[in-house]
C-alpha atoms as a PDB file:
ATOM      1  CA  MET A   1      23.157   3.173  18.072  1.00  0.00           C
ATOM      2  CA  THR A   2      19.785   1.572  18.727  1.00  0.00           C
ATOM      3  CA  SER A   3      18.962   1.200  22.381  1.00  0.00           C
ATOM      4  CA  LEU A   4      17.640  -1.979  23.905  1.00  0.00           C
ATOM      5  CA  ARG A   5      14.485  -0.082  24.844  1.00  0.00           C
ATOM      6  CA  THR A   6      13.901   0.883  21.180  1.00  0.00           C
ATOM      7  CA  VAL A   7      14.415  -2.700  20.021  1.00  0.00           C
ATOM      8  CA  MET A   8      12.031  -4.016  22.680  1.00  0.00           C
ATOM      9  CA  SER A   9       9.433  -1.424  21.698  1.00  0.00           C
ATOM     10  CA  GLU A  10       9.712  -2.448  18.040  1.00  0.00           C
ATOM     11  CA  LEU A  11       9.394  -6.124  18.966  1.00  0.00           C
ATOM     12  CA  ASP A  12       6.301  -5.330  21.054  1.00  0.00           C
ATOM     13  CA  GLU A  13       4.815  -3.695  17.965  1.00  0.00           C
ATOM     14  CA  ILE A  14       5.451  -6.793  15.854  1.00  0.00           C
ATOM     15  CA  TYR A  15       4.442  -9.370  18.438  1.00  0.00           C
ATOM     16  CA  ASN A  16       1.325  -7.528  19.561  1.00  0.00           C
ATOM     17  CA  PRO A  17      -1.689  -9.189  21.232  1.00  0.00           C
ATOM     18  CA  ARG A  18      -3.627  -9.482  17.942  1.00  0.00           C
ATOM     19  CA  ILE A  19      -0.770 -11.389  16.274  1.00  0.00           C
ATOM     20  CA  LEU A  20      -0.534 -13.655  19.309  1.00  0.00           C
ATOM     21  CA  GLU A  21      -4.296 -14.260  19.175  1.00  0.00           C
ATOM     22  CA  LEU A  22      -4.239 -15.066  15.443  1.00  0.00           C
ATOM     23  CA  ALA A  23      -1.246 -17.380  15.836  1.00  0.00           C
ATOM     24  CA  ALA A  24      -2.950 -19.250  18.674  1.00  0.00           C
ATOM     25  CA  ASN A  25      -6.146 -19.826  16.665  1.00  0.00           C
ATOM     26  CA  ILE A  26      -5.296 -21.107  13.194  1.00  0.00           C
ATOM     27  CA  PRO A  27      -8.372 -22.530  11.451  1.00  0.00           C
ATOM     28  CA  LEU A  28      -8.339 -25.282   8.814  1.00  0.00           C
ATOM     29  CA  GLY A  29      -5.218 -26.836  10.323  1.00  0.00           C
ATOM     30  CA  ALA A  30      -5.722 -30.310   8.871  1.00  0.00           C
ATOM     31  CA  ARG A  31      -4.351 -31.376   5.504  1.00  0.00           C
ATOM     32  CA  LEU A  32      -6.879 -32.409   2.827  1.00  0.00           C
ATOM     33  CA  GLU A  33      -7.041 -36.106   1.998  1.00  0.00           C
ATOM     34  CA  ASP A  34      -7.421 -35.642  -1.753  1.00  0.00           C
ATOM     35  CA  PRO A  35      -6.322 -32.148  -2.780  1.00  0.00           C
ATOM     36  CA  GLN A  36      -6.091 -31.033  -6.379  1.00  0.00           C
ATOM     37  CA  ALA A  37      -2.761 -29.451  -5.469  1.00  0.00           C
ATOM     38  CA  SER A  38      -0.372 -29.107  -2.564  1.00  0.00           C
ATOM     39  CA  ALA A  39       2.549 -26.753  -2.106  1.00  0.00           C
ATOM     40  CA  THR A  40       5.114 -26.070   0.581  1.00  0.00           C
ATOM     41  CA  ALA A  41       7.029 -22.862   1.202  1.00  0.00           C
ATOM     42  CA  HIS A  42      10.080 -22.817   3.463  1.00  0.00           C
ATOM     43  CA  SER A  43      12.184 -20.021   4.914  1.00  0.00           C
ATOM     44  CA  LYS A  44      15.853 -20.986   5.003  1.00  0.00           C
ATOM     45  CA  LEU A  45      16.592 -18.124   7.370  1.00  0.00           C
ATOM     46  CA  CYS A  46      14.341 -19.189  10.254  1.00  0.00           C
ATOM     47  CA  GLY A  47      13.282 -22.713   9.293  1.00  0.00           C
ATOM     48  CA  SER A  48       9.568 -21.888   9.104  1.00  0.00           C
ATOM     49  CA  THR A  49       7.489 -24.072   6.795  1.00  0.00           C
ATOM     50  CA  VAL A  50       3.908 -23.759   5.568  1.00  0.00           C
ATOM     51  CA  SER A  51       2.246 -26.495   3.505  1.00  0.00           C
ATOM     52  CA  VAL A  52      -1.152 -25.983   1.897  1.00  0.00           C
ATOM     53  CA  ASP A  53      -3.693 -28.158   0.100  1.00  0.00           C
ATOM     54  CA  LEU A  54      -6.300 -26.766  -2.277  1.00  0.00           C
ATOM     55  CA  LYS A  55      -9.402 -27.828  -4.101  1.00  0.00           C
ATOM     56  CA  MET A  56     -10.926 -25.408  -6.551  1.00  0.00           C
ATOM     57  CA  ASP A  57     -14.355 -25.245  -8.131  1.00  0.00           C
ATOM     58  CA  GLY A  58     -13.649 -23.386 -11.334  1.00  0.00           C
ATOM     59  CA  ASP A  59     -11.604 -20.372 -10.271  1.00  0.00           C
ATOM     60  CA  VAL A  60     -12.813 -20.364  -6.650  1.00  0.00           C
ATOM     61  CA  ILE A  61     -11.219 -22.057  -3.641  1.00  0.00           C
ATOM     62  CA  ALA A  62     -13.673 -24.706  -2.435  1.00  0.00           C
ATOM     63  CA  GLU A  63     -11.539 -26.489   0.180  1.00  0.00           C
ATOM     64  CA  TYR A  64      -8.337 -25.617   2.005  1.00  0.00           C
ATOM     65  CA  GLY A  65      -6.084 -27.338   4.472  1.00  0.00           C
ATOM     66  CA  GLN A  66      -2.696 -26.432   5.878  1.00  0.00           C
ATOM     67  CA  SER A  67       0.152 -27.465   8.101  1.00  0.00           C
ATOM     68  CA  VAL A  68       1.961 -24.559   9.733  1.00  0.00           C
ATOM     69  CA  LYS A  69       5.321 -25.006  11.400  1.00  0.00           C
ATOM     70  CA  ALA A  70       6.309 -21.372  11.527  1.00  0.00           C
ATOM     71  CA  CYS A  71       7.101 -18.447  13.788  1.00  0.00           C
ATOM     72  CA  LEU A  72       4.315 -16.288  15.193  1.00  0.00           C
ATOM     73  CA  LEU A  73       4.321 -14.076  12.098  1.00  0.00           C
ATOM     74  CA  GLY A  74       3.958 -17.010   9.727  1.00  0.00           C
ATOM     75  CA  GLN A  75       1.273 -18.461  11.978  1.00  0.00           C
ATOM     76  CA  ALA A  76      -0.660 -15.179  12.070  1.00  0.00           C
ATOM     77  CA  ALA A  77      -0.525 -14.811   8.276  1.00  0.00           C
ATOM     78  CA  SER A  78      -1.641 -18.448   7.875  1.00  0.00           C
ATOM     79  CA  SER A  79      -4.491 -17.872  10.305  1.00  0.00           C
ATOM     80  CA  ILE A  80      -5.749 -14.877   8.341  1.00  0.00           C
ATOM     81  CA  MET A  81      -5.431 -16.826   5.078  1.00  0.00           C
ATOM     82  CA  ALA A  82      -7.462 -19.727   6.456  1.00  0.00           C
ATOM     83  CA  ARG A  83     -10.196 -17.376   7.669  1.00  0.00           C
ATOM     84  CA  ASN A  84     -10.659 -15.822   4.218  1.00  0.00           C
ATOM     85  CA  ILE A  85      -9.547 -18.226   1.480  1.00  0.00           C
ATOM     86  CA  ILE A  86     -12.698 -20.328   0.995  1.00  0.00           C
ATOM     87  CA  GLY A  87     -14.759 -18.572  -1.672  1.00  0.00           C
ATOM     88  CA  SER A  88     -11.848 -16.422  -2.859  1.00  0.00           C
ATOM     89  CA  ASN A  89     -10.782 -16.682  -6.476  1.00  0.00           C
ATOM     90  CA  ALA A  90      -7.298 -17.180  -7.877  1.00  0.00           C
ATOM     91  CA  ASP A  91      -6.844 -13.598  -9.091  1.00  0.00           C
ATOM     92  CA  GLU A  92      -7.905 -12.187  -5.711  1.00  0.00           C
ATOM     93  CA  LEU A  93      -5.372 -14.410  -3.919  1.00  0.00           C
ATOM     94  CA  ARG A  94      -2.559 -13.421  -6.279  1.00  0.00           C
ATOM     95  CA  GLU A  95      -3.520  -9.771  -5.741  1.00  0.00           C
ATOM     96  CA  VAL A  96      -3.472 -10.152  -1.935  1.00  0.00           C
ATOM     97  CA  GLY A  97      -0.048 -11.820  -2.124  1.00  0.00           C
ATOM     98  CA  ALA A  98       1.282  -9.030  -4.342  1.00  0.00           C
ATOM     99  CA  LYS A  99      -0.143  -6.397  -2.011  1.00  0.00           C
ATOM    100  CA  MET A 100       1.516  -8.087   0.997  1.00  0.00           C
ATOM    101  CA  ARG A 101       4.889  -8.194  -0.788  1.00  0.00           C
ATOM    102  CA  LYS A 102       4.531  -4.528  -1.731  1.00  0.00           C
ATOM    103  CA  MET A 103       3.460  -3.626   1.821  1.00  0.00           C
ATOM    104  CA  LEU A 104       6.520  -5.289   3.341  1.00  0.00           C
ATOM    105  CA  LYS A 105       9.165  -4.536   0.728  1.00  0.00           C
ATOM    106  CA  GLN A 106       8.075  -1.234  -0.861  1.00  0.00           C
ATOM    107  CA  ASP A 107       6.124   0.600   1.863  1.00  0.00           C
ATOM    108  CA  GLY A 108       2.823  -0.175   0.168  1.00  0.00           C
ATOM    109  CA  THR A 109      -0.556  -0.049   1.870  1.00  0.00           C
ATOM    110  CA  PRO A 110      -1.979  -3.168   3.510  1.00  0.00           C
ATOM    111  CA  PRO A 111      -4.729  -5.197   1.844  1.00  0.00           C
ATOM    112  CA  ASN A 112      -8.277  -4.092   2.623  1.00  0.00           C
ATOM    113  CA  GLY A 113     -11.779  -5.523   2.499  1.00  0.00           C
ATOM    114  CA  LYS A 114     -12.023  -9.011   3.912  1.00  0.00           C
ATOM    115  CA  TRP A 115      -8.186  -9.118   4.024  1.00  0.00           C
ATOM    116  CA  LYS A 116      -7.970  -6.033   6.289  1.00  0.00           C
ATOM    117  CA  ASP A 117      -6.667  -8.144   9.218  1.00  0.00           C
ATOM    118  CA  LEU A 118      -3.364  -8.430   7.330  1.00  0.00           C
ATOM    119  CA  GLU A 119      -2.623  -4.840   8.332  1.00  0.00           C
ATOM    120  CA  VAL A 120      -1.590  -6.252  11.721  1.00  0.00           C
ATOM    121  CA  LEU A 121       1.573  -7.458   9.938  1.00  0.00           C
ATOM    122  CA  GLU A 122       2.505  -4.003   8.626  1.00  0.00           C
ATOM    123  CA  PRO A 123       5.171  -3.369  11.338  1.00  0.00           C
ATOM    124  CA  VAL A 124       7.105  -6.358   9.945  1.00  0.00           C
ATOM    125  CA  ARG A 125       8.245  -4.162   7.023  1.00  0.00           C
ATOM    126  CA  ASP A 126      11.017  -2.769   9.254  1.00  0.00           C
ATOM    127  CA  PHE A 127      12.398  -6.273   9.883  1.00  0.00           C
ATOM    128  CA  ARG A 128      13.595  -7.635   6.528  1.00  0.00           C
ATOM    129  CA  ALA A 129      14.663 -10.925   8.098  1.00  0.00           C
ATOM    130  CA  ARG A 130      10.994 -11.605   8.983  1.00  0.00           C
ATOM    131  CA  HIS A 131       9.544 -10.926   5.507  1.00  0.00           C
ATOM    132  CA  ALA A 132      10.064 -14.469   4.181  1.00  0.00           C
ATOM    133  CA  SER A 133       8.312 -16.179   7.088  1.00  0.00           C
ATOM    134  CA  THR A 134       5.418 -13.708   6.922  1.00  0.00           C
ATOM    135  CA  LEU A 135       4.932 -14.390   3.191  1.00  0.00           C
ATOM    136  CA  LEU A 136       5.193 -18.211   3.267  1.00  0.00           C
ATOM    137  CA  VAL A 137       1.461 -18.878   3.137  1.00  0.00           C
ATOM    138  CA  PHE A 138       1.019 -16.534   0.169  1.00  0.00           C
ATOM    139  CA  ASP A 139       3.867 -18.232  -1.715  1.00  0.00           C
ATOM    140  CA  ALA A 140       2.426 -21.700  -1.041  1.00  0.00           C
ATOM    141  CA  VAL A 141      -1.146 -20.743  -1.993  1.00  0.00           C
ATOM    142  CA  GLU A 142      -0.010 -19.135  -5.244  1.00  0.00           C
ATOM    143  CA  GLU A 143       2.113 -22.179  -6.106  1.00  0.00           C
ATOM    144  CA  ALA A 144      -0.823 -24.555  -5.477  1.00  0.00           C
ATOM    145  CA  ILE A 145      -3.150 -22.407  -7.607  1.00  0.00           C
ATOM    146  CA  ALA A 146      -0.571 -22.404 -10.423  1.00  0.00           C
ATOM    147  CA  GLU A 147      -0.316 -26.205 -10.162  1.00  0.00           C
ATOM    148  CA  ILE A 148      -4.086 -26.584 -10.540  1.00  0.00           C
ATOM    149  CA  GLU A 149      -4.199 -24.116 -13.436  1.00  0.00           C
ATOM    150  CA  GLN A 150      -1.329 -25.880 -15.192  1.00  0.00           C
ATOM    151  CA  ALA A 151      -2.963 -29.286 -14.785  1.00  0.00           C
ATOM    152  CA  ARG A 152      -6.174 -27.897 -16.253  1.00  0.00           C
ATOM    153  CA  SER A 153      -4.328 -26.399 -19.221  1.00  0.00           C
ATOM    154  CA  LEU A 154      -2.814 -29.797 -19.992  1.00  0.00           C
ATOM    155  CA  GLU A 155      -6.151 -31.597 -19.967  1.00  0.00           C
ATOM    156  CA  THR A 156      -7.288 -32.473 -23.469  1.00  0.00           C
ATOM    157  CA  PRO A 157     -10.820 -31.459 -24.333  1.00  0.00           C
ATOM    158  CA  GLU A 158     -13.162 -34.320 -25.081  1.00  0.00           C
ATOM    159  CA  SER A 159     -13.576 -34.972 -28.739  1.00  0.00           C
ATOM    160  CA  ALA A 160     -16.690 -33.530 -30.246  1.00  0.00           C
ATOM    161  CA  PRO A 161     -19.130 -36.208 -31.387  1.00  0.00           C
ATOM    162  CA  ALA A 162     -18.916 -37.023 -35.083  1.00  0.00           C
ATOM    163  CA  GLY A 163     -21.803 -35.497 -36.981  1.00  0.00           C
END
């Protein structure tokens, strides 16, 4: 049987000062007025919701806005995303999302490089009920990127001038 002291210790590990700091300071917290795509991810379990707006220049994120109504874990993940997304490309963002899912669900290693701050969320792996809220921002960003890519694939190329 798990003692109350053990549970409290585990919760202290999850809700550590760095997560609290990230959650309290979420950059790019305004929605974009004219995004190329928007997406919302919602956790049915806890009610957390993250909505994102994107503008891309080619394959690179040029502008980003978000609305975060989530628990501390979702807020911390959204904060880290906002700090690093501008200038990132679509493949990099899909890779970071995949690495986060693997870290939480399959004991994978945390992302590194400019995404190294995401390692602060590694203790969440032991709390399956918190995985969905932690991953909301990644789900929403990937959905918005897919929306932009799909819209681009449906655009018809301009007719070549008759020669």
